[in-house]
Amino acid sequence: MPAPLHATTTSLTEDASSSPATTAALAHIDQVFRRALGRSSFGAGLASKPWYHPLSYTLDDLIAASTMLLVFLVIYLILLAFKLLLGMMLLSVSRNRYHGMQEREKMNVETGGKRVGGWGVVDVDEEKRKIIYEDDPDALKRLKERDEKARTKEREEKERGTAFGHVSRYAMVAKRIW
């Protein structure tokens, strides 16, 4: 593999020149940051006393610590305000959804069908079935055959006396059969 070609436009060499205004602005920002961080950034300190000695701290250190504390406190408060606003927004969305759900529960959706079974199945009369299955006559035919089978089975159970159509789970619980 040959070595990649050296591009002069992206290299960080001494040849890269910058304007004196840019250099002065960067030096000023560097000086501001160093003053904000205290004497430790200059490499100064009292050599006679270790860093953990209480008398080794100066006003620069106090200003740097209070600046850092203030910055972190402001960031914490901003994040806390964002969390509270997000919580209030989510709460309002959930309340609106809940009120909408209550309104939909109050709506009358009765179609006139007879509910049969435990799964909310609605018994639909013949003319409504024709409308529902007008594009699929095979499904209508299968549905009619299945209904007819269920009717004959129910009649046979009634004749034999083994029909349990009148027994429900709540009746069995009341009788303590369940």
Protein backbone atom coordinates (compact mmCIF):
# COMPACT_ATOMS: atom_id res chain seq x y z
CA MET A 1 0.00 0.00 0.00
CA PRO A 2 1.47 3.35 -0.93
CA ALA A 3 1.50 6.09 1.66
CA PRO A 4 -1.29 8.66 1.34
CA LEU A 5 -0.45 11.91 -0.35
CA HIS A 6 0.31 14.78 1.99
CA ALA A 7 -2.25 17.57 1.62
CA THR A 8 -0.94 20.99 2.56
CA THR A 9 -4.41 22.44 3.04
CA THR A 10 -5.17 20.32 6.08
CA SER A 11 -1.79 20.15 7.79
CA LEU A 12 -1.07 22.00 10.98
CA THR A 13 2.42 23.27 10.31
CA GLU A 14 4.35 26.41 11.07
CA ASP A 15 3.61 27.65 7.58
CA ALA A 16 -0.06 28.12 8.36
CA SER A 17 -0.41 31.82 8.93
CA SER A 18 -3.20 33.52 10.83
CA SER A 19 -4.01 37.16 11.14
CA PRO A 20 -2.67 39.13 14.12
CA ALA A 21 -6.26 39.98 15.12
CA THR A 22 -7.16 36.28 15.38
CA THR A 23 -4.04 35.53 17.39
CA ALA A 24 -4.74 38.45 19.75
CA ALA A 25 -8.38 37.37 20.22
CA LEU A 26 -7.37 33.78 21.01
CA ALA A 27 -4.71 34.99 23.44
CA HIS A 28 -7.28 37.20 25.16
CA ILE A 29 -9.77 34.32 25.49
CA ASP A 30 -6.99 32.10 26.81
CA GLN A 31 -6.08 34.71 29.41
CA VAL A 32 -9.74 35.08 30.49
CA PHE A 33 -10.10 31.32 30.92
CA ARG A 34 -6.84 31.08 32.85
CA ARG A 35 -7.92 33.85 35.22
CA ALA A 36 -11.32 32.20 35.71
CA LEU A 37 -9.68 28.89 36.58
CA GLY A 38 -7.35 30.41 39.17
CA ARG A 39 -3.65 30.18 39.77
CA SER A 40 -3.40 26.46 39.05
CA SER A 41 -3.60 27.11 35.32
CA PHE A 42 -0.55 29.38 35.44
CA GLY A 43 1.47 26.76 37.26
CA ALA A 44 1.90 29.08 40.23
CA GLY A 45 1.33 28.20 43.82
CA LEU A 46 2.94 28.41 47.15
CA ALA A 47 5.74 25.88 47.13
CA SER A 48 6.12 26.04 50.89
CA LYS A 49 2.60 24.73 51.54
CA PRO A 50 0.89 21.72 49.91
CA TRP A 51 -2.28 22.22 47.87
CA TYR A 52 -4.55 20.79 50.56
CA HIS A 53 -3.37 23.25 53.23
CA PRO A 54 -6.14 25.82 53.97
CA LEU A 55 -3.76 28.79 53.88
CA SER A 56 -2.44 27.87 50.43
CA TYR A 57 -5.65 29.12 48.74
CA THR A 58 -5.91 32.68 47.48
CA LEU A 59 -8.66 34.94 46.24
CA ASP A 60 -8.08 33.58 42.71
CA ASP A 61 -8.89 30.09 43.93
CA LEU A 62 -12.04 31.31 45.66
CA ILE A 63 -13.20 33.11 42.51
CA ALA A 64 -12.43 30.07 40.36
CA ALA A 65 -14.32 27.73 42.72
CA SER A 66 -17.31 30.06 42.96
CA THR A 67 -17.35 30.51 39.16
CA MET A 68 -17.30 26.76 38.64
CA LEU A 69 -20.01 26.28 41.27
CA LEU A 70 -22.14 29.00 39.69
CA VAL A 71 -21.76 27.50 36.19
CA PHE A 72 -22.75 24.03 37.40
CA LEU A 73 -25.66 25.47 39.40
CA VAL A 74 -26.96 27.35 36.35
CA ILE A 75 -26.64 24.24 34.17
CA TYR A 76 -28.45 22.20 36.84
CA LEU A 77 -31.27 24.75 37.07
CA ILE A 78 -31.63 24.88 33.28
CA LEU A 79 -31.88 21.08 33.11
CA LEU A 80 -34.33 21.08 36.02
CA ALA A 81 -36.53 23.66 34.27
CA PHE A 82 -36.40 21.58 31.07
CA LYS A 83 -37.42 18.47 33.04
CA LEU A 84 -40.33 20.30 34.66
CA LEU A 85 -41.54 21.71 31.34
CA LEU A 86 -41.29 18.31 29.70
CA GLY A 87 -43.21 16.73 32.59
CA MET A 88 -45.96 19.34 32.37
CA MET A 89 -46.20 18.87 28.61
CA LEU A 90 -46.46 15.08 28.94
CA LEU A 91 -49.02 15.46 31.70
CA SER A 92 -51.19 17.73 29.55
CA VAL A 93 -50.95 15.29 26.63
CA SER A 94 -51.96 12.38 28.86
CA ARG A 95 -54.88 14.36 30.34
CA ASN A 96 -56.12 15.26 26.86
CA ARG A 97 -55.91 11.62 25.81
CA TYR A 98 -57.76 10.54 28.95
CA HIS A 99 -60.54 13.09 28.41
CA GLY A 100 -60.80 11.97 24.78
CA MET A 101 -61.06 8.37 25.94
CA GLN A 102 -63.86 9.31 28.35
CA GLU A 103 -65.70 11.13 25.57
CA ARG A 104 -65.38 8.12 23.27
CA GLU A 105 -66.72 5.88 26.05
CA LYS A 106 -69.80 8.10 26.37
CA MET A 107 -70.53 7.95 22.65
CA ASN A 108 -73.44 5.77 21.59
CA VAL A 109 -72.05 3.12 19.29
CA GLU A 110 -74.99 0.75 19.50
CA THR A 111 -75.63 -0.80 16.10
CA GLY A 112 -78.72 -2.75 17.05
CA GLY A 113 -76.91 -6.07 16.97
CA LYS A 114 -77.19 -8.72 19.64
CA ARG A 115 -74.01 -9.50 21.58
CA VAL A 116 -73.24 -13.17 21.85
CA GLY A 117 -70.28 -14.91 23.41
CA GLY A 118 -67.58 -13.57 25.65
CA TRP A 119 -65.52 -11.76 23.02
CA GLY A 120 -67.97 -8.99 22.18
CA VAL A 121 -69.11 -10.70 18.99
CA VAL A 122 -72.20 -9.04 17.55
CA ASP A 123 -74.93 -11.04 15.88
CA VAL A 124 -75.77 -9.27 12.61
CA ASP A 125 -79.03 -9.87 10.73
CA GLU A 126 -79.18 -11.12 7.14
CA GLU A 127 -79.54 -7.80 5.32
CA LYS A 128 -76.56 -6.28 7.14
CA ARG A 129 -74.51 -9.39 6.34
CA LYS A 130 -75.35 -9.00 2.67
CA ILE A 131 -74.08 -5.42 2.77
CA ILE A 132 -70.92 -6.38 4.64
CA TYR A 133 -70.08 -9.35 2.42
CA GLU A 134 -71.32 -8.00 -0.92
CA ASP A 135 -67.77 -8.07 -2.36
CA ASP A 136 -66.98 -11.56 -1.00
CA PRO A 137 -69.86 -13.99 -1.60
CA ASP A 138 -67.69 -17.02 -0.74
CA ALA A 139 -67.10 -15.74 2.78
CA LEU A 140 -70.83 -15.09 3.18
CA LYS A 141 -71.54 -18.67 2.09
CA ARG A 142 -68.99 -20.08 4.57
CA LEU A 143 -70.42 -17.89 7.35
CA LYS A 144 -73.94 -19.15 6.67
CA GLU A 145 -72.72 -22.77 6.71
CA ARG A 146 -70.91 -22.22 10.00
CA ASP A 147 -74.00 -20.60 11.56
CA GLU A 148 -76.15 -23.46 10.37
CA LYS A 149 -73.73 -25.98 11.86
CA ALA A 150 -73.81 -24.14 15.20
CA ARG A 151 -77.61 -24.07 15.19
CA THR A 152 -77.89 -27.81 14.48
CA LYS A 153 -75.34 -28.60 17.18
CA GLU A 154 -77.26 -26.46 19.69
CA ARG A 155 -80.54 -28.19 18.77
CA GLU A 156 -78.93 -31.62 19.24
CA GLU A 157 -77.55 -30.62 22.65
CA LYS A 158 -80.96 -29.38 23.74
CA GLU A 159 -82.55 -32.64 22.66
CA ARG A 160 -79.93 -34.66 24.54
CA GLY A 161 -80.13 -32.32 27.54
CA THR A 162 -76.44 -31.38 27.50
CA ALA A 163 -76.83 -27.73 26.52
CA PHE A 164 -74.93 -25.32 28.78
CA GLY A 165 -75.92 -22.09 26.97
CA HIS A 166 -77.68 -20.71 30.03
CA VAL A 167 -74.72 -21.22 32.38
CA SER A 168 -72.32 -18.32 32.73
CA ARG A 169 -69.18 -17.91 34.76
CA TYR A 170 -70.87 -15.57 37.24
CA ALA A 171 -73.72 -18.01 37.82
CA MET A 172 -71.17 -20.73 38.50
CA VAL A 173 -69.29 -18.49 40.94
CA ALA A 174 -72.52 -17.67 42.73
CA LYS A 175 -73.26 -21.38 43.07
CA ARG A 176 -69.62 -22.05 44.04
CA ILE A 177 -69.22 -24.50 41.17
CA TRP A 178 -66.32 -22.66 39.60
